[in-house]
Amino acid sequence: METREVLLEAITTAATTISEFNGQIASAALEQSMVCEDINRNIVNTLFERRLKRSVTALATAAQTPFSSTINLKHGQRA
């Protein structure tokens, strides 16, 4: 083989290898993006559940508190 053919073959092999790496990198980036989306969704759901539990607890507490105990009947002011 001539030197040019050897160099051309080496360049072609290197280009193929780089192309394969690009595919692997793109696949890994997509997978990381999907994992980040899952983490974000889990964080949002956890925060929503905590707020919902606090709201339900507050509503349950308010429902158990007699209305007259939340208002100072002598002065017409809330306690």
Protein backbone atom coordinates (compact mmCIF):
# COMPACT_ATOMS: atom_id res chain seq x y z
CA MET A 1 0.00 0.00 0.00
CA GLU A 2 1.09 3.50 -0.66
CA THR A 3 1.56 5.99 2.10
CA ARG A 4 -1.46 7.96 0.91
CA GLU A 5 -3.68 4.90 1.09
CA VAL A 6 -2.46 4.10 4.59
CA LEU A 7 -3.11 7.67 5.71
CA LEU A 8 -6.53 7.70 4.09
CA GLU A 9 -7.43 4.43 5.80
CA ALA A 10 -6.24 5.79 9.17
CA ILE A 11 -8.29 8.95 8.69
CA THR A 12 -11.36 6.94 7.70
CA THR A 13 -10.96 4.68 10.75
CA ALA A 14 -10.56 7.70 13.05
CA ALA A 15 -13.64 9.38 11.55
CA THR A 16 -15.68 6.21 12.06
CA THR A 17 -14.52 5.96 15.66
CA ILE A 18 -15.42 9.60 16.32
CA SER A 19 -18.83 9.06 14.74
CA GLU A 20 -19.46 6.08 17.03
CA PHE A 21 -18.41 8.13 20.06
CA ASN A 22 -20.83 10.89 19.04
CA GLY A 23 -23.67 8.37 19.01
CA GLN A 24 -22.73 7.09 22.45
CA ILE A 25 -22.42 10.63 23.83
CA ALA A 26 -25.81 11.60 22.41
CA SER A 27 -27.39 8.51 23.93
CA ALA A 28 -25.81 9.21 27.33
CA ALA A 29 -26.91 12.85 27.22
CA LEU A 30 -30.48 11.80 26.46
CA GLU A 31 -30.44 9.33 29.33
CA GLN A 32 -29.10 11.96 31.73
CA SER A 33 -31.79 14.37 30.60
CA MET A 34 -34.48 11.79 31.30
CA VAL A 35 -33.03 11.10 34.77
CA CYS A 36 -33.00 14.85 35.52
CA GLU A 37 -36.64 15.10 34.46
CA ASP A 38 -37.53 12.21 36.78
CA ILE A 39 -35.68 13.84 39.67
CA ASN A 40 -37.41 17.18 39.05
CA ARG A 41 -40.81 15.49 38.84
CA ASN A 42 -40.15 13.63 42.11
CA ILE A 43 -39.10 16.84 43.85
CA VAL A 44 -42.19 18.69 42.64
CA ASN A 45 -44.45 15.80 43.66
CA THR A 46 -42.83 15.61 47.11
CA LEU A 47 -43.23 19.35 47.66
CA PHE A 48 -46.84 19.19 46.47
CA GLU A 49 -47.59 16.28 48.80
CA ARG A 50 -46.08 18.14 51.77
CA ARG A 51 -48.13 21.26 51.03
CA LEU A 52 -51.24 19.16 50.55
CA LYS A 53 -50.70 17.38 53.89
CA ARG A 54 -50.21 20.73 55.66
CA SER A 55 -53.37 22.10 54.06
CA VAL A 56 -55.39 19.03 54.99
CA THR A 57 -54.07 19.16 58.55
CA ALA A 58 -54.91 22.87 58.80
CA LEU A 59 -58.41 22.27 57.44
CA ALA A 60 -58.97 19.34 59.80
CA THR A 61 -57.81 21.43 62.74
CA ALA A 62 -60.01 24.33 61.68
CA ALA A 63 -62.98 22.00 61.29
CA GLN A 64 -62.52 20.76 64.86
CA THR A 65 -62.19 24.26 66.33
CA PRO A 66 -65.54 25.72 67.39
CA PHE A 67 -66.30 28.97 65.56
CA SER A 68 -66.93 30.85 68.82
CA SER A 69 -63.43 30.07 70.08
CA THR A 70 -61.88 31.84 67.08
CA ILE A 71 -63.76 35.07 67.73
CA ASN A 72 -63.69 37.13 70.88
CA LEU A 73 -67.42 37.61 71.29
CA LYS A 74 -67.10 40.48 73.84
CA HIS A 75 -65.01 42.65 71.56
CA GLY A 76 -65.99 41.26 68.16
CA GLN A 77 -62.35 40.59 67.35
CA ARG A 78 -60.64 37.45 66.26
CA ALA A 79 -58.48 35.78 68.83
